[in-house]
Structures are given as C-alpha cells and as structure tokens.
Amino acid sequence: SNFYRLSDEARAIIAAIRTREMREIAEFAKGFTEAEIRGFYKILS
C-alpha cells in the first residue's frame, strides 16, 4: 500500500485551479452575510 503525492507539475496545476476558484467564490460570497454562509455550511454539513 504505497503513499501517493502530487508531482511538482500537479501541485502547480491544482494550486492555480484553486486560486482561480477561490477568487470566484470570494466574489460570489459578497452577496451573503457571514451568518448566512455559516448557516449554509452548518446545514450542508
């Protein structure tokens, strides 16, 4: 049972993907209050 880890190339690719996604989510989140987002998270969890 080996361990798996990201190659340097994959780390750069997923970091770029996540950076773009988080930028979009941060913009989307501006339409909600902190309490609404916390409630959303609580209900989905």
All heavy atoms as atom14 arrays in JSON, in Angstrom:
{
  "sequence": "SNFYRLSDEARAIIAAIRTREMREIAEFAKGFTEAEIRGFYKILS",
  "atom14_mask": [
    [1, 1, 1, 1, 1, 1, 0, 0, 0, 0, 0, 0, 0, 0],
    [1, 1, 1, 1, 1, 1, 1, 1, 0, 0, 0, 0, 0, 0],
    [1, 1, 1, 1, 1, 1, 1, 1, 1, 1, 1, 0, 0, 0],
    [1, 1, 1, 1, 1, 1, 1, 1, 1, 1, 1, 1, 0, 0],
    [1, 1, 1, 1, 1, 1, 1, 1, 1, 1, 1, 0, 0, 0],
    [1, 1, 1, 1, 1, 1, 1, 1, 0, 0, 0, 0, 0, 0],
    [1, 1, 1, 1, 1, 1, 0, 0, 0, 0, 0, 0, 0, 0],
    [1, 1, 1, 1, 1, 1, 1, 1, 0, 0, 0, 0, 0, 0],
    [1, 1, 1, 1, 1, 1, 1, 1, 1, 0, 0, 0, 0, 0],
    [1, 1, 1, 1, 1, 0, 0, 0, 0, 0, 0, 0, 0, 0],
    [1, 1, 1, 1, 1, 1, 1, 1, 1, 1, 1, 0, 0, 0],
    [1, 1, 1, 1, 1, 0, 0, 0, 0, 0, 0, 0, 0, 0],
    [1, 1, 1, 1, 1, 1, 1, 1, 0, 0, 0, 0, 0, 0],
    [1, 1, 1, 1, 1, 1, 1, 1, 0, 0, 0, 0, 0, 0],
    [1, 1, 1, 1, 1, 0, 0, 0, 0, 0, 0, 0, 0, 0],
    [1, 1, 1, 1, 1, 0, 0, 0, 0, 0, 0, 0, 0, 0],
    [1, 1, 1, 1, 1, 1, 1, 1, 0, 0, 0, 0, 0, 0],
    [1, 1, 1, 1, 1, 1, 1, 1, 1, 1, 1, 0, 0, 0],
    [1, 1, 1, 1, 1, 1, 1, 0, 0, 0, 0, 0, 0, 0],
    [1, 1, 1, 1, 1, 1, 1, 1, 1, 1, 1, 0, 0, 0],
    [1, 1, 1, 1, 1, 1, 1, 1, 1, 0, 0, 0, 0, 0],
    [1, 1, 1, 1, 1, 1, 1, 1, 0, 0, 0, 0, 0, 0],
    [1, 1, 1, 1, 1, 1, 1, 1, 1, 1, 1, 0, 0, 0],
    [1, 1, 1, 1, 1, 1, 1, 1, 1, 0, 0, 0, 0, 0],
    [1, 1, 1, 1, 1, 1, 1, 1, 0, 0, 0, 0, 0, 0],
    [1, 1, 1, 1, 1, 0, 0, 0, 0, 0, 0, 0, 0, 0],
    [1, 1, 1, 1, 1, 1, 1, 1, 1, 0, 0, 0, 0, 0],
    [1, 1, 1, 1, 1, 1, 1, 1, 1, 1, 1, 0, 0, 0],
    [1, 1, 1, 1, 1, 0, 0, 0, 0, 0, 0, 0, 0, 0],
    [1, 1, 1, 1, 1, 1, 1, 1, 1, 0, 0, 0, 0, 0],
    [1, 1, 1, 1, 0, 0, 0, 0, 0, 0, 0, 0, 0, 0],
    [1, 1, 1, 1, 1, 1, 1, 1, 1, 1, 1, 0, 0, 0],
    [1, 1, 1, 1, 1, 1, 1, 0, 0, 0, 0, 0, 0, 0],
    [1, 1, 1, 1, 1, 1, 1, 1, 1, 0, 0, 0, 0, 0],
    [1, 1, 1, 1, 1, 0, 0, 0, 0, 0, 0, 0, 0, 0],
    [1, 1, 1, 1, 1, 1, 1, 1, 1, 0, 0, 0, 0, 0],
    [1, 1, 1, 1, 1, 1, 1, 1, 0, 0, 0, 0, 0, 0],
    [1, 1, 1, 1, 1, 1, 1, 1, 1, 1, 1, 0, 0, 0],
    [1, 1, 1, 1, 0, 0, 0, 0, 0, 0, 0, 0, 0, 0],
    [1, 1, 1, 1, 1, 1, 1, 1, 1, 1, 1, 0, 0, 0],
    [1, 1, 1, 1, 1, 1, 1, 1, 1, 1, 1, 1, 0, 0],
    [1, 1, 1, 1, 1, 1, 1, 1, 1, 0, 0, 0, 0, 0],
    [1, 1, 1, 1, 1, 1, 1, 1, 0, 0, 0, 0, 0, 0],
    [1, 1, 1, 1, 1, 1, 1, 1, 0, 0, 0, 0, 0, 0],
    [1, 1, 1, 1, 1, 1, 0, 0, 0, 0, 0, 0, 0, 0]
  ],
  "atom14_positions": [
    [[0.84, -1.2, 0.0], [0.0, 0.0, 0.0], [0.88, 1.24, 0.0], [1.27, 1.74, 1.05], [-0.92, -0.01, 1.23], [-1.72, 1.15, 1.25], [0.0, 0.0, 0.0], [0.0, 0.0, 0.0], [0.0, 0.0, 0.0], [0.0, 0.0, 0.0], [0.0, 0.0, 0.0], [0.0, 0.0, 0.0], [0.0, 0.0, 0.0], [0.0, 0.0, 0.0]],
    [[1.18, 1.73, -1.2], [2.02, 2.92, -1.33], [1.29, 4.18, -0.89], [0.06, 4.25, -0.92], [2.45, 3.11, -2.79], [3.44, 2.09, -3.24], [4.32, 1.69, -2.5], [3.29, 1.64, -4.48], [0.0, 0.0, 0.0], [0.0, 0.0, 0.0], [0.0, 0.0, 0.0], [0.0, 0.0, 0.0], [0.0, 0.0, 0.0], [0.0, 0.0, 0.0]],
    [[2.08, 5.18, -0.55], [1.55, 6.53, -0.42], [1.6, 7.17, -1.8], [2.45, 6.82, -2.63], [2.42, 7.37, 0.53], [2.22, 7.06, 1.98], [3.22, 6.47, 2.72], [1.03, 7.39, 2.62], [3.05, 6.2, 4.06], [0.84, 7.12, 3.96], [1.86, 6.52, 4.69], [0.0, 0.0, 0.0], [0.0, 0.0, 0.0], [0.0, 0.0, 0.0]],
    [[0.72, 8.11, -2.03], [0.72, 8.89, -3.27], [0.88, 10.34, -2.88], [0.38, 10.78, -1.85], [-0.58, 8.69, -4.06], [-0.78, 7.26, -4.47], [-1.59, 6.4, -3.73], [-0.13, 6.75, -5.59], [-1.76, 5.08, -4.09], [-0.29, 5.43, -5.96], [-1.11, 4.6, -5.2], [-1.27, 3.29, -5.56], [0.0, 0.0, 0.0], [0.0, 0.0, 0.0]],
    [[1.57, 11.08, -3.73], [1.71, 12.52, -3.53], [1.75, 13.2, -4.88], [2.0, 12.57, -5.91], [2.96, 12.85, -2.71], [4.25, 12.61, -3.44], [5.45, 13.04, -2.62], [6.66, 12.7, -3.34], [7.8, 12.44, -2.75], [7.91, 12.47, -1.45], [8.86, 12.13, -3.48], [0.0, 0.0, 0.0], [0.0, 0.0, 0.0], [0.0, 0.0, 0.0]],
    [[1.5, 14.49, -4.86], [1.48, 15.27, -6.1], [2.89, 15.44, -6.65], [3.84, 15.64, -5.89], [0.89, 16.66, -5.84], [-0.56, 16.72, -5.38], [-0.93, 18.17, -5.07], [-1.49, 16.15, -6.43], [0.0, 0.0, 0.0], [0.0, 0.0, 0.0], [0.0, 0.0, 0.0], [0.0, 0.0, 0.0], [0.0, 0.0, 0.0], [0.0, 0.0, 0.0]],
    [[3.0, 15.41, -7.97], [4.25, 15.82, -8.61], [4.31, 17.35, -8.52], [3.3, 18.01, -8.23], [4.28, 15.38, -10.07], [3.31, 16.08, -10.81], [0.0, 0.0, 0.0], [0.0, 0.0, 0.0], [0.0, 0.0, 0.0], [0.0, 0.0, 0.0], [0.0, 0.0, 0.0], [0.0, 0.0, 0.0], [0.0, 0.0, 0.0], [0.0, 0.0, 0.0]],
    [[5.47, 17.9, -8.77], [5.59, 19.37, -8.75], [4.66, 20.01, -9.77], [4.03, 21.03, -9.51], [7.05, 19.79, -9.02], [7.98, 19.44, -7.86], [7.49, 19.23, -6.72], [9.2, 19.36, -8.1], [0.0, 0.0, 0.0], [0.0, 0.0, 0.0], [0.0, 0.0, 0.0], [0.0, 0.0, 0.0], [0.0, 0.0, 0.0], [0.0, 0.0, 0.0]],
    [[4.56, 19.37, -10.95], [3.68, 19.89, -12.01], [2.22, 19.89, -11.54], [1.51, 20.88, -11.7], [3.81, 19.04, -13.27], [2.84, 19.42, -14.37], [2.78, 18.42, -15.51], [3.41, 17.36, -15.43], [2.06, 18.73, -16.49], [0.0, 0.0, 0.0], [0.0, 0.0, 0.0], [0.0, 0.0, 0.0], [0.0, 0.0, 0.0], [0.0, 0.0, 0.0]],
    [[1.78, 18.79, -10.95], [0.39, 18.68, -10.48], [0.12, 19.68, -9.36], [-0.96, 20.26, -9.3], [0.1, 17.27, -10.02], [0.0, 0.0, 0.0], [0.0, 0.0, 0.0], [0.0, 0.0, 0.0], [0.0, 0.0, 0.0], [0.0, 0.0, 0.0], [0.0, 0.0, 0.0], [0.0, 0.0, 0.0], [0.0, 0.0, 0.0], [0.0, 0.0, 0.0]],
    [[1.09, 19.87, -8.47], [0.92, 20.83, -7.38], [0.69, 22.23, -7.95], [-0.17, 22.97, -7.49], [2.15, 20.81, -6.47], [2.03, 21.69, -5.24], [3.2, 21.52, -4.29], [3.4, 20.15, -3.89], [2.67, 19.49, -2.98], [1.68, 20.11, -2.39], [2.93, 18.24, -2.68], [0.0, 0.0, 0.0], [0.0, 0.0, 0.0], [0.0, 0.0, 0.0]],
    [[1.45, 22.6, -8.98], [1.29, 23.92, -9.6], [-0.07, 24.02, -10.29], [-0.74, 25.07, -10.21], [2.42, 24.17, -10.59], [0.0, 0.0, 0.0], [0.0, 0.0, 0.0], [0.0, 0.0, 0.0], [0.0, 0.0, 0.0], [0.0, 0.0, 0.0], [0.0, 0.0, 0.0], [0.0, 0.0, 0.0], [0.0, 0.0, 0.0], [0.0, 0.0, 0.0]],
    [[-0.49, 22.96, -10.97], [-1.77, 22.97, -11.68], [-2.93, 23.11, -10.7], [-3.8, 23.96, -10.88], [-1.93, 21.71, -12.55], [-0.97, 21.77, -13.74], [-3.38, 21.54, -13.02], [-0.88, 20.47, -14.53], [0.0, 0.0, 0.0], [0.0, 0.0, 0.0], [0.0, 0.0, 0.0], [0.0, 0.0, 0.0], [0.0, 0.0, 0.0], [0.0, 0.0, 0.0]],
    [[-2.96, 22.29, -9.65], [-4.1, 22.35, -8.73], [-4.06, 23.64, -7.92], [-5.12, 24.2, -7.59], [-4.18, 21.09, -7.81], [-5.53, 21.04, -7.07], [-3.03, 21.01, -6.85], [-6.76, 20.92, -7.94], [0.0, 0.0, 0.0], [0.0, 0.0, 0.0], [0.0, 0.0, 0.0], [0.0, 0.0, 0.0], [0.0, 0.0, 0.0], [0.0, 0.0, 0.0]],
    [[-2.88, 24.17, -7.63], [-2.8, 25.45, -6.93], [-3.39, 26.57, -7.79], [-4.14, 27.43, -7.29], [-1.36, 25.76, -6.55], [0.0, 0.0, 0.0], [0.0, 0.0, 0.0], [0.0, 0.0, 0.0], [0.0, 0.0, 0.0], [0.0, 0.0, 0.0], [0.0, 0.0, 0.0], [0.0, 0.0, 0.0], [0.0, 0.0, 0.0], [0.0, 0.0, 0.0]],
    [[-3.11, 26.55, -9.08], [-3.66, 27.57, -9.99], [-5.17, 27.43, -10.11], [-5.91, 28.43, -10.09], [-3.0, 27.47, -11.36], [0.0, 0.0, 0.0], [0.0, 0.0, 0.0], [0.0, 0.0, 0.0], [0.0, 0.0, 0.0], [0.0, 0.0, 0.0], [0.0, 0.0, 0.0], [0.0, 0.0, 0.0], [0.0, 0.0, 0.0], [0.0, 0.0, 0.0]],
    [[-5.65, 26.19, -10.22], [-7.09, 25.95, -10.29], [-7.77, 26.46, -9.03], [-8.78, 27.17, -9.08], [-7.38, 24.44, -10.51], [-6.96, 24.01, -11.91], [-8.86, 24.12, -10.25], [-6.91, 22.5, -12.13], [0.0, 0.0, 0.0], [0.0, 0.0, 0.0], [0.0, 0.0, 0.0], [0.0, 0.0, 0.0], [0.0, 0.0, 0.0], [0.0, 0.0, 0.0]],
    [[-7.23, 26.11, -7.87], [-7.81, 26.52, -6.58], [-7.78, 28.04, -6.42], [-8.72, 28.62, -5.9], [-7.07, 25.85, -5.43], [-7.28, 24.36, -5.34], [-8.47, 23.97, -4.52], [-8.32, 24.46, -3.17], [-9.29, 25.06, -2.49], [-10.46, 25.22, -3.0], [-9.08, 25.5, -1.27], [0.0, 0.0, 0.0], [0.0, 0.0, 0.0], [0.0, 0.0, 0.0]],
    [[-6.71, 28.68, -6.83], [-6.61, 30.14, -6.72], [-7.72, 30.81, -7.51], [-8.4, 31.71, -7.02], [-5.22, 30.62, -7.19], [-4.23, 30.06, -6.33], [-5.12, 32.14, -7.18], [0.0, 0.0, 0.0], [0.0, 0.0, 0.0], [0.0, 0.0, 0.0], [0.0, 0.0, 0.0], [0.0, 0.0, 0.0], [0.0, 0.0, 0.0], [0.0, 0.0, 0.0]],
    [[-7.93, 30.34, -8.75], [-8.99, 30.91, -9.59], [-10.35, 30.66, -8.96], [-11.18, 31.56, -8.87], [-8.94, 30.33, -11.0], [-10.0, 30.92, -11.94], [-10.12, 30.17, -13.25], [-10.07, 28.73, -13.15], [-11.07, 27.97, -12.68], [-12.18, 28.51, -12.25], [-10.96, 26.65, -12.64], [0.0, 0.0, 0.0], [0.0, 0.0, 0.0], [0.0, 0.0, 0.0]],
    [[-10.6, 29.42, -8.53], [-11.89, 29.08, -7.92], [-12.16, 29.9, -6.67], [-13.27, 30.4, -6.48], [-11.94, 27.59, -7.57], [-12.0, 26.68, -8.78], [-11.86, 25.21, -8.41], [-11.44, 24.88, -7.29], [-12.18, 24.38, -9.29], [0.0, 0.0, 0.0], [0.0, 0.0, 0.0], [0.0, 0.0, 0.0], [0.0, 0.0, 0.0], [0.0, 0.0, 0.0]],
    [[-11.17, 30.05, -5.82], [-11.36, 30.79, -4.57], [-11.6, 32.27, -4.84], [-12.38, 32.91, -4.13], [-10.17, 30.58, -3.63], [-10.05, 29.15, -3.12], [-11.57, 28.48, -2.38], [-11.63, 29.43, -0.87], [0.0, 0.0, 0.0], [0.0, 0.0, 0.0], [0.0, 0.0, 0.0], [0.0, 0.0, 0.0], [0.0, 0.0, 0.0], [0.0, 0.0, 0.0]],
    [[-10.99, 32.8, -5.87], [-11.24, 34.19, -6.26], [-12.71, 34.36, -6.67], [-13.38, 35.31, -6.27], [-10.28, 34.58, -7.39], [-10.24, 36.05, -7.71], [-9.16, 36.44, -8.71], [-9.04, 35.54, -9.85], [-7.98, 34.75, -10.1], [-6.94, 34.76, -9.31], [-7.97, 33.98, -11.17], [0.0, 0.0, 0.0], [0.0, 0.0, 0.0], [0.0, 0.0, 0.0]],
    [[-13.22, 33.41, -7.46], [-14.61, 33.47, -7.89], [-15.58, 33.28, -6.72], [-16.6, 33.97, -6.63], [-14.88, 32.41, -8.96], [-14.21, 32.71, -10.29], [-14.43, 31.61, -11.32], [-15.27, 30.73, -11.12], [-13.74, 31.67, -12.36], [0.0, 0.0, 0.0], [0.0, 0.0, 0.0], [0.0, 0.0, 0.0], [0.0, 0.0, 0.0], [0.0, 0.0, 0.0]],
    [[-15.25, 32.36, -5.83], [-16.12, 32.12, -4.67], [-16.12, 33.33, -3.74], [-17.17, 33.7, -3.19], [-15.7, 30.83, -3.94], [-16.06, 29.62, -4.82], [-16.36, 30.71, -2.57], [-15.49, 28.3, -4.34], [0.0, 0.0, 0.0], [0.0, 0.0, 0.0], [0.0, 0.0, 0.0], [0.0, 0.0, 0.0], [0.0, 0.0, 0.0], [0.0, 0.0, 0.0]],
    [[-14.97, 33.96, -3.56], [-14.9, 35.16, -2.72], [-15.79, 36.26, -3.29], [-16.48, 36.96, -2.54], [-13.45, 35.64, -2.6], [0.0, 0.0, 0.0], [0.0, 0.0, 0.0], [0.0, 0.0, 0.0], [0.0, 0.0, 0.0], [0.0, 0.0, 0.0], [0.0, 0.0, 0.0], [0.0, 0.0, 0.0], [0.0, 0.0, 0.0], [0.0, 0.0, 0.0]],
    [[-15.8, 36.39, -4.59], [-16.66, 37.39, -5.23], [-18.13, 37.03, -5.03], [-18.95, 37.88, -4.69], [-16.32, 37.5, -6.73], [-16.99, 38.64, -7.44], [-16.6, 40.0, -6.91], [-15.46, 40.2, -6.46], [-17.47, 40.9, -6.94], [0.0, 0.0, 0.0], [0.0, 0.0, 0.0], [0.0, 0.0, 0.0], [0.0, 0.0, 0.0], [0.0, 0.0, 0.0]],
    [[-18.48, 35.76, -5.22], [-19.84, 35.29, -5.03], [-20.29, 35.49, -3.58], [-21.43, 35.87, -3.31], [-19.93, 33.81, -5.42], [-21.27, 33.18, -5.21], [-22.32, 33.43, -6.08], [-21.49, 32.33, -4.13], [-23.56, 32.85, -5.9], [-22.73, 31.74, -3.93], [-23.76, 32.01, -4.81], [0.0, 0.0, 0.0], [0.0, 0.0, 0.0], [0.0, 0.0, 0.0]],
    [[-19.39, 35.25, -2.65], [-19.71, 35.34, -1.22], [-20.09, 36.75, -0.79], [-20.77, 36.92, 0.23], [-18.53, 34.85, -0.39], [0.0, 0.0, 0.0], [0.0, 0.0, 0.0], [0.0, 0.0, 0.0], [0.0, 0.0, 0.0], [0.0, 0.0, 0.0], [0.0, 0.0, 0.0], [0.0, 0.0, 0.0], [0.0, 0.0, 0.0], [0.0, 0.0, 0.0]],
    [[-19.71, 37.75, -1.56], [-20.05, 39.14, -1.22], [-21.55, 39.37, -1.17], [-22.01, 40.33, -0.55], [-19.4, 40.11, -2.21], [-17.9, 40.2, -2.08], [-17.32, 41.14, -3.11], [-15.81, 41.19, -3.01], [-15.22, 42.07, -4.06], [0.0, 0.0, 0.0], [0.0, 0.0, 0.0], [0.0, 0.0, 0.0], [0.0, 0.0, 0.0], [0.0, 0.0, 0.0]],
    [[-22.32, 38.49, -1.79], [-23.78, 38.64, -1.8], [-24.46, 38.08, -0.55], [-25.69, 38.11, -0.47], [0.0, 0.0, 0.0], [0.0, 0.0, 0.0], [0.0, 0.0, 0.0], [0.0, 0.0, 0.0], [0.0, 0.0, 0.0], [0.0, 0.0, 0.0], [0.0, 0.0, 0.0], [0.0, 0.0, 0.0], [0.0, 0.0, 0.0], [0.0, 0.0, 0.0]],
    [[-23.68, 37.6, 0.41], [-24.25, 36.97, 1.6], [-23.57, 37.49, 2.85], [-22.42, 37.92, 2.82], [-24.07, 35.44, 1.53], [-24.7, 34.84, 0.31], [-23.95, 34.62, -0.83], [-26.05, 34.53, 0.29], [-24.53, 34.09, -1.97], [-26.64, 34.01, -0.84], [-25.88, 33.79, -1.98], [0.0, 0.0, 0.0], [0.0, 0.0, 0.0], [0.0, 0.0, 0.0]],
    [[-24.3, 37.42, 3.95], [-23.72, 37.8, 5.23], [-22.9, 36.64, 5.78], [-23.07, 35.49, 5.35], [-24.81, 38.15, 6.27], [-25.55, 36.96, 6.57], [-25.74, 39.25, 5.76], [0.0, 0.0, 0.0], [0.0, 0.0, 0.0], [0.0, 0.0, 0.0], [0.0, 0.0, 0.0], [0.0, 0.0, 0.0], [0.0, 0.0, 0.0], [0.0, 0.0, 0.0]],
    [[-22.07, 36.93, 6.75], [-21.28, 35.88, 7.4], [-22.22, 34.86, 8.04], [-21.98, 33.65, 7.95], [-20.37, 36.5, 8.46], [-19.47, 35.49, 9.13], [-18.53, 36.1, 10.14], [-18.16, 37.29, 10.0], [-18.16, 35.37, 11.09], [0.0, 0.0, 0.0], [0.0, 0.0, 0.0], [0.0, 0.0, 0.0], [0.0, 0.0, 0.0], [0.0, 0.0, 0.0]],
    [[-23.29, 35.33, 8.66], [-24.24, 34.42, 9.3], [-24.91, 33.5, 8.28], [-25.13, 32.31, 8.55], [-25.29, 35.2, 10.08], [0.0, 0.0, 0.0], [0.0, 0.0, 0.0], [0.0, 0.0, 0.0], [0.0, 0.0, 0.0], [0.0, 0.0, 0.0], [0.0, 0.0, 0.0], [0.0, 0.0, 0.0], [0.0, 0.0, 0.0], [0.0, 0.0, 0.0]],
    [[-25.24, 34.03, 7.1], [-25.85, 33.19, 6.07], [-24.88, 32.11, 5.59], [-25.28, 30.95, 5.41], [-26.3, 34.06, 4.88], [-27.51, 34.92, 5.19], [-27.8, 35.94, 4.1], [-26.85, 36.43, 3.44], [-28.99, 36.25, 3.92], [0.0, 0.0, 0.0], [0.0, 0.0, 0.0], [0.0, 0.0, 0.0], [0.0, 0.0, 0.0], [0.0, 0.0, 0.0]],
    [[-23.64, 32.47, 5.4], [-22.65, 31.49, 4.95], [-22.41, 30.44, 6.02], [-22.34, 29.24, 5.73], [-21.35, 32.18, 4.5], [-21.62, 32.99, 3.23], [-20.23, 31.17, 4.26], [-20.5, 33.89, 2.78], [0.0, 0.0, 0.0], [0.0, 0.0, 0.0], [0.0, 0.0, 0.0], [0.0, 0.0, 0.0], [0.0, 0.0, 0.0], [0.0, 0.0, 0.0]],
    [[-22.31, 30.86, 7.27], [-22.14, 29.9, 8.37], [-23.36, 28.97, 8.46], [-23.21, 27.77, 8.69], [-21.89, 30.61, 9.68], [-20.53, 31.26, 9.76], [-20.24, 31.79, 11.17], [-19.05, 32.59, 11.19], [-17.81, 32.12, 11.13], [-17.6, 30.83, 11.05], [-16.77, 32.93, 11.15], [0.0, 0.0, 0.0], [0.0, 0.0, 0.0], [0.0, 0.0, 0.0]],
    [[-24.55, 29.51, 8.28], [-25.77, 28.7, 8.3], [-25.79, 27.71, 7.15], [-26.17, 26.54, 7.33], [0.0, 0.0, 0.0], [0.0, 0.0, 0.0], [0.0, 0.0, 0.0], [0.0, 0.0, 0.0], [0.0, 0.0, 0.0], [0.0, 0.0, 0.0], [0.0, 0.0, 0.0], [0.0, 0.0, 0.0], [0.0, 0.0, 0.0], [0.0, 0.0, 0.0]],
    [[-25.42, 28.16, 5.98], [-25.33, 27.29, 4.8], [-24.4, 26.12, 5.08], [-24.72, 24.96, 4.84], [-24.85, 28.12, 3.6], [-24.44, 27.31, 2.41], [-25.39, 26.79, 1.55], [-23.1, 27.09, 2.12], [-25.01, 26.06, 0.42], [-22.71, 26.36, 1.01], [-23.67, 25.84, 0.17], [0.0, 0.0, 0.0], [0.0, 0.0, 0.0], [0.0, 0.0, 0.0]],
    [[-23.22, 26.44, 5.59], [-22.23, 25.4, 5.9], [-22.77, 24.44, 6.96], [-22.64, 23.21, 6.81], [-20.92, 26.04, 6.38], [-19.88, 25.02, 6.75], [-19.12, 24.4, 5.77], [-19.69, 24.66, 8.08], [-18.19, 23.43, 6.1], [-18.75, 23.69, 8.42], [-18.0, 23.09, 7.43], [-17.09, 22.14, 7.77], [0.0, 0.0, 0.0], [0.0, 0.0, 0.0]],
    [[-23.38, 24.96, 7.97], [-23.91, 24.11, 9.05], [-24.98, 23.16, 8.51], [-24.98, 21.96, 8.82], [-24.49, 24.96, 10.17], [-25.06, 24.16, 11.32], [-25.61, 25.06, 12.41], [-26.21, 24.23, 13.53], [-26.77, 25.08, 14.58], [0.0, 0.0, 0.0], [0.0, 0.0, 0.0], [0.0, 0.0, 0.0], [0.0, 0.0, 0.0], [0.0, 0.0, 0.0]],
    [[-25.89, 23.67, 7.71], [-26.97, 22.83, 7.18], [-26.41, 21.76, 6.24], [-26.76, 20.58, 6.35], [-28.04, 23.68, 6.49], [-28.83, 24.46, 7.55], [-28.98, 22.82, 5.64], [-29.78, 25.5, 7.0], [0.0, 0.0, 0.0], [0.0, 0.0, 0.0], [0.0, 0.0, 0.0], [0.0, 0.0, 0.0], [0.0, 0.0, 0.0], [0.0, 0.0, 0.0]],
    [[-25.54, 22.14, 5.32], [-24.98, 21.13, 4.4], [-24.16, 20.09, 5.13], [-24.24, 18.89, 4.81], [-24.14, 21.8, 3.31], [-24.91, 22.5, 2.21], [-23.97, 23.03, 1.14], [-25.94, 21.6, 1.58], [0.0, 0.0, 0.0], [0.0, 0.0, 0.0], [0.0, 0.0, 0.0], [0.0, 0.0, 0.0], [0.0, 0.0, 0.0], [0.0, 0.0, 0.0]],
    [[-23.36, 20.5, 6.11], [-22.57, 19.54, 6.88], [-23.47, 18.57, 7.63], [-23.22, 17.36, 7.65], [-21.69, 20.27, 7.89], [-20.78, 21.11, 7.24], [0.0, 0.0, 0.0], [0.0, 0.0, 0.0], [0.0, 0.0, 0.0], [0.0, 0.0, 0.0], [0.0, 0.0, 0.0], [0.0, 0.0, 0.0], [0.0, 0.0, 0.0], [0.0, 0.0, 0.0]]
  ]
}
